C-alpha atoms as a PDB file:
ATOM      1  CA  LEU A   1     -31.644 -15.329  95.913  1.00  0.00           C
ATOM      2  CA  GLU A   2     -30.073 -12.980  98.511  1.00  0.00           C
ATOM      3  CA  GLU A   3     -30.624  -9.316  98.719  1.00  0.00           C
ATOM      4  CA  GLY A   4     -34.431  -9.483  97.932  1.00  0.00           C
ATOM      5  CA  PHE A   5     -34.014 -10.744  94.356  1.00  0.00           C
ATOM      6  CA  SER A   6     -36.015 -13.617  93.170  1.00  0.00           C
ATOM      7  CA  GLN A   7     -35.821 -15.849  90.122  1.00  0.00           C
ATOM      8  CA  LEU A   8     -38.849 -15.179  87.782  1.00  0.00           C
ATOM      9  CA  GLU A   9     -38.322 -17.714  85.157  1.00  0.00           C
ATOM     10  CA  VAL A  10     -35.817 -19.527  83.190  1.00  0.00           C
ATOM     11  CA  ILE A  11     -36.090 -18.781  79.493  1.00  0.00           C
ATOM     12  CA  THR A  12     -34.934 -21.470  77.063  1.00  0.00           C
ATOM     13  CA  GLY A  13     -35.538 -22.385  73.361  1.00  0.00           C
ATOM     14  CA  PHE A  14     -33.367 -20.215  71.471  1.00  0.00           C
ATOM     15  CA  LYS A  15     -31.632 -21.634  68.342  1.00  0.00           C
ATOM     16  CA  TYR A  16     -28.456 -19.650  69.021  1.00  0.00           C
ATOM     17  CA  GLN A  17     -26.452 -18.046  71.824  1.00  0.00           C
ATOM     18  CA  VAL A  18     -28.405 -15.075  73.343  1.00  0.00           C
ATOM     19  CA  ARG A  19     -26.230 -11.942  72.675  1.00  0.00           C
ATOM     20  CA  HIS A  20     -28.476  -8.976  73.943  1.00  0.00           C
ATOM     21  CA  LEU A  21     -30.918  -8.667  76.901  1.00  0.00           C
ATOM     22  CA  ASP A  22     -33.024  -5.529  77.954  1.00  0.00           C
ATOM     23  CA  PHE A  23     -35.843  -4.584  80.036  1.00  0.00           C
ATOM     24  CA  SER A  24     -38.615  -2.245  78.822  1.00  0.00           C
ATOM     25  CA  SER A  25     -38.644   1.042  80.724  1.00  0.00           C
ATOM     26  CA  ASP A  26     -41.967   0.237  82.465  1.00  0.00           C
ATOM     27  CA  ASN A  27     -40.655  -3.209  83.425  1.00  0.00           C
ATOM     28  CA  SER A  28     -43.239  -5.124  81.516  1.00  0.00           C
ATOM     29  CA  PHE A  29     -41.088  -6.896  78.984  1.00  0.00           C
ATOM     30  CA  LEU A  30     -37.729  -8.482  78.661  1.00  0.00           C
ATOM     31  CA  MET A  31     -36.090  -8.367  75.157  1.00  0.00           C
ATOM     32  CA  CYS A  32     -33.769 -11.357  74.163  1.00  0.00           C
ATOM     33  CA  GLU A  33     -31.935 -11.379  70.800  1.00  0.00           C
ATOM     34  CA  ASP A  34     -29.828 -14.365  69.629  1.00  0.00           C
ATOM     35  CA  GLU A  35     -26.664 -14.414  67.505  1.00  0.00           C
ATOM     36  CA  LEU A  36     -28.749 -14.550  64.319  1.00  0.00           C
ATOM     37  CA  GLY A  37     -30.702 -11.502  65.199  1.00  0.00           C
ATOM     38  CA  GLU A  38     -34.040 -13.293  66.233  1.00  0.00           C
ATOM     39  CA  VAL A  39     -35.895 -11.112  68.715  1.00  0.00           C
ATOM     40  CA  VAL A  40     -38.194 -12.436  71.335  1.00  0.00           C
ATOM     41  CA  HIS A  41     -40.041 -10.549  74.027  1.00  0.00           C
ATOM     42  CA  TRP A  42     -40.920 -12.008  77.362  1.00  0.00           C
ATOM     43  CA  ASP A  43     -44.097 -10.720  78.794  1.00  0.00           C
ATOM     44  CA  ILE A  44     -43.229 -10.562  82.496  1.00  0.00           C
ATOM     45  CA  SER A  45     -46.802 -10.165  84.051  1.00  0.00           C
ATOM     46  CA  ASN A  46     -48.143 -13.037  81.940  1.00  0.00           C
ATOM     47  CA  GLN A  47     -44.964 -15.021  81.967  1.00  0.00           C
ATOM     48  CA  ARG A  48     -45.086 -15.937  78.424  1.00  0.00           C
ATOM     49  CA  MET A  49     -42.972 -15.491  75.290  1.00  0.00           C
ATOM     50  CA  VAL A  50     -44.243 -13.279  72.429  1.00  0.00           C
ATOM     51  CA  HIS A  51     -42.486 -12.316  69.267  1.00  0.00           C
ATOM     52  CA  ALA A  52     -41.583  -8.673  68.797  1.00  0.00           C
ATOM     53  CA  THR A  53     -44.369  -8.239  65.947  1.00  0.00           C
ATOM     54  CA  GLU A  54     -46.959  -9.413  68.378  1.00  0.00           C
ATOM     55  CA  SER A  55     -46.687  -6.342  70.630  1.00  0.00           C
ATOM     56  CA  GLU A  56     -49.734  -4.043  70.582  1.00  0.00           C
ATOM     57  CA  HIS A  57     -47.754  -0.861  71.191  1.00  0.00           C
ATOM     58  CA  GLU A  58     -44.166   0.239  70.582  1.00  0.00           C
ATOM     59  CA  ILE A  59     -42.168  -0.714  73.772  1.00  0.00           C
ATOM     60  CA  GLU A  60     -39.651   1.813  75.178  1.00  0.00           C
ATOM     61  CA  TRP A  61     -36.440  -0.002  75.800  1.00  0.00           C
ATOM     62  CA  ILE A  62     -33.529   0.844  78.069  1.00  0.00           C
ATOM     63  CA  SER A  63     -30.493  -0.266  76.233  1.00  0.00           C
ATOM     64  CA  GLU A  64     -29.938  -3.232  73.751  1.00  0.00           C
ATOM     65  CA  GLY A  65     -33.674  -3.307  72.823  1.00  0.00           C
ATOM     66  CA  LEU A  66     -33.221  -0.014  71.072  1.00  0.00           C
ATOM     67  CA  ARG A  67     -31.131  -1.670  68.358  1.00  0.00           C
ATOM     68  CA  ASN A  68     -34.351  -2.887  66.699  1.00  0.00           C
ATOM     69  CA  SER A  69     -36.771  -0.170  67.972  1.00  0.00           C
ATOM     70  CA  PRO A  70     -38.498   1.975  65.268  1.00  0.00           C
ATOM     71  CA  SER A  71     -37.898   4.945  67.565  1.00  0.00           C
ATOM     72  CA  MET A  72     -34.112   4.822  66.793  1.00  0.00           C
ATOM     73  CA  ARG A  73     -34.082   3.984  63.039  1.00  0.00           C
ATOM     74  CA  GLY A  74     -33.009   7.420  62.268  1.00  0.00           C
ATOM     75  CA  ALA A  75     -29.722   7.081  64.207  1.00  0.00           C
ATOM     76  CA  ALA A  76     -28.807   3.824  62.246  1.00  0.00           C
ATOM     77  CA  LYS A  77     -27.562   5.870  59.239  1.00  0.00           C
ATOM     78  CA  TRP A  78     -24.482   6.757  61.336  1.00  0.00           C
ATOM     79  CA  PHE A  79     -23.338   3.183  61.670  1.00  0.00           C
ATOM     80  CA  ASN A  80     -22.533   0.270  59.283  1.00  0.00           C
ATOM     81  CA  ASP A  81     -20.924  -3.252  58.977  1.00  0.00           C
ATOM     82  CA  TYR A  82     -17.541  -1.505  59.003  1.00  0.00           C
ATOM     83  CA  ASN A  83     -18.350   0.586  62.120  1.00  0.00           C
ATOM     84  CA  PRO A  84     -21.306  -1.205  64.037  1.00  0.00           C
ATOM     85  CA  ILE A  85     -22.950  -0.178  67.094  1.00  0.00           C
ATOM     86  CA  LYS A  86     -21.291  -1.819  70.174  1.00  0.00           C
ATOM     87  CA  SER A  87     -23.242  -0.423  73.093  1.00  0.00           C
ATOM     88  CA  LEU A  88     -26.218   1.834  73.533  1.00  0.00           C
ATOM     89  CA  LEU A  89     -28.290   3.084  76.446  1.00  0.00           C
ATOM     90  CA  LYS A  90     -31.179   5.467  77.005  1.00  0.00           C
ATOM     91  CA  VAL A  91     -30.918   7.870  79.913  1.00  0.00           C
ATOM     92  CA  ILE A  92     -33.868   7.194  82.211  1.00  0.00           C
ATOM     93  CA  GLY A  93     -36.112  10.273  82.517  1.00  0.00           C
ATOM     94  CA  LYS A  94     -34.436  12.102  79.614  1.00  0.00           C
ATOM     95  CA  ASN A  95     -34.945  12.088  75.893  1.00  0.00           C
ATOM     96  CA  ILE A  96     -31.223  11.018  75.186  1.00  0.00           C
ATOM     97  CA  VAL A  97     -29.530   7.854  73.969  1.00  0.00           C
ATOM     98  CA  ALA A  98     -25.995   7.233  74.026  1.00  0.00           C
ATOM     99  CA  ILE A  99     -24.479   4.986  71.326  1.00  0.00           C
ATOM    100  CA  ALA A 100     -20.872   3.657  71.142  1.00  0.00           C
ATOM    101  CA  ASP A 101     -19.200   2.200  68.044  1.00  0.00           C
ATOM    102  CA  GLN A 102     -16.590  -0.140  66.922  1.00  0.00           C
ATOM    103  CA  LEU A 103     -14.126   2.792  66.183  1.00  0.00           C
ATOM    104  CA  GLY A 104     -14.354   4.126  69.877  1.00  0.00           C
ATOM    105  CA  THR A 105     -16.777   6.998  69.288  1.00  0.00           C
ATOM    106  CA  ILE A 106     -19.690   7.731  71.651  1.00  0.00           C
ATOM    107  CA  ARG A 107     -22.538   9.934  70.242  1.00  0.00           C
ATOM    108  CA  LEU A 108     -25.456  11.307  72.065  1.00  0.00           C
ATOM    109  CA  PHE A 109     -28.688  11.423  70.086  1.00  0.00           C
ATOM    110  CA  LYS A 110     -32.226  12.694  70.898  1.00  0.00           C
ATOM    111  CA  TYR A 111     -34.851  10.157  71.573  1.00  0.00           C
ATOM    112  CA  PRO A 112     -36.823   9.257  69.700  1.00  0.00           C
ATOM    113  CA  ASN A 113     -34.955   9.613  66.464  1.00  0.00           C
ATOM    114  CA  THR A 114     -37.018   8.418  63.431  1.00  0.00           C
ATOM    115  CA  MET A 115     -36.170  10.911  60.950  1.00  0.00           C
ATOM    116  CA  GLY A 116     -32.276  10.699  61.014  1.00  0.00           C
ATOM    117  CA  GLU A 117     -31.548  13.682  63.141  1.00  0.00           C
ATOM    118  CA  GLY A 118     -27.891  13.937  63.801  1.00  0.00           C
ATOM    119  CA  TYR A 119     -26.127  13.438  67.025  1.00  0.00           C
ATOM    120  CA  PHE A 120     -25.816  16.652  69.215  1.00  0.00           C
ATOM    121  CA  GLN A 121     -22.727  15.576  71.160  1.00  0.00           C
ATOM    122  CA  CYS A 122     -19.715  13.415  70.223  1.00  0.00           C
ATOM    123  CA  TYR A 123     -16.823  11.921  72.196  1.00  0.00           C
ATOM    124  CA  ALA A 124     -13.901  10.391  70.396  1.00  0.00           C
ATOM    125  CA  GLU A 125     -11.497   9.854  73.264  1.00  0.00           C
ATOM    126  CA  HIS A 126     -11.151   5.982  72.872  1.00  0.00           C
ATOM    127  CA  LEU A 127      -9.056   4.340  70.139  1.00  0.00           C
ATOM    128  CA  PHE A 128     -10.620   1.017  70.287  1.00  0.00           C
ATOM    129  CA  SER A 129     -14.131  -0.451  70.346  1.00  0.00           C
ATOM    130  CA  ILE A 130     -16.339   0.679  73.195  1.00  0.00           C
ATOM    131  CA  SER A 131     -17.533  -2.262  75.255  1.00  0.00           C
ATOM    132  CA  GLN A 132     -19.942  -0.445  77.466  1.00  0.00           C
ATOM    133  CA  VAL A 133     -21.619   2.967  78.179  1.00  0.00           C
ATOM    134  CA  MET A 134     -23.413   3.956  81.330  1.00  0.00           C
ATOM    135  CA  PHE A 135     -24.643   6.831  83.424  1.00  0.00           C
ATOM    136  CA  SER A 136     -24.364   7.175  87.068  1.00  0.00           C
ATOM    137  CA  GLY A 137     -27.663   6.781  89.049  1.00  0.00           C
ATOM    138  CA  ASP A 138     -27.806  10.522  89.595  1.00  0.00           C
ATOM    139  CA  GLN A 139     -26.869  11.107  85.967  1.00  0.00           C
ATOM    140  CA  LYS A 140     -24.009  13.442  86.876  1.00  0.00           C
ATOM    141  CA  TYR A 141     -21.552  11.088  85.241  1.00  0.00           C
ATOM    142  CA  PHE A 142     -21.156   9.358  81.859  1.00  0.00           C
ATOM    143  CA  ILE A 143     -18.884   6.383  81.843  1.00  0.00           C
ATOM    144  CA  THR A 144     -17.427   4.451  79.007  1.00  0.00           C
ATOM    145  CA  ILE A 145     -15.133   1.457  78.855  1.00  0.00           C
ATOM    146  CA  SER A 146     -13.078   0.552  75.729  1.00  0.00           C
ATOM    147  CA  GLU A 147     -11.892  -3.059  74.905  1.00  0.00           C
ATOM    148  CA  ALA A 148      -8.304  -1.803  75.400  1.00  0.00           C
ATOM    149  CA  ASP A 149      -8.797  -0.306  78.756  1.00  0.00           C
ATOM    150  CA  ARG A 150      -6.649  -1.785  81.547  1.00  0.00           C
END
């Protein structure tokens, strides 16, 4: 590919459509989750697929992998089937995770959050489901997109 990127591997074999992808913070693993919630980790250095339960240590994820991470189980109590998590992102270099929900609210949580600690900042400016949350490279700006934004 152009711009110095190269194709590492084509990963196949999922039973259903893949809905979430994520890299570990140390770039050792790729996380893939299909529509039924089956999670598979791809060990990048060994170029092989491993199940999430085979990992010898807890993997720190950057975004979608946090959904199933034990480090974020405490934040799960703030969300449910009526108001599911739509987007989440860990701020690189900081112990902060931004989680956006179906109702248009973005909450910032401490990371890790295993004991159910509450969010420390909340934004409710969107009236519709949040489709993406991101921080600028220099972390000066926090950007969100709603499904109704035009």
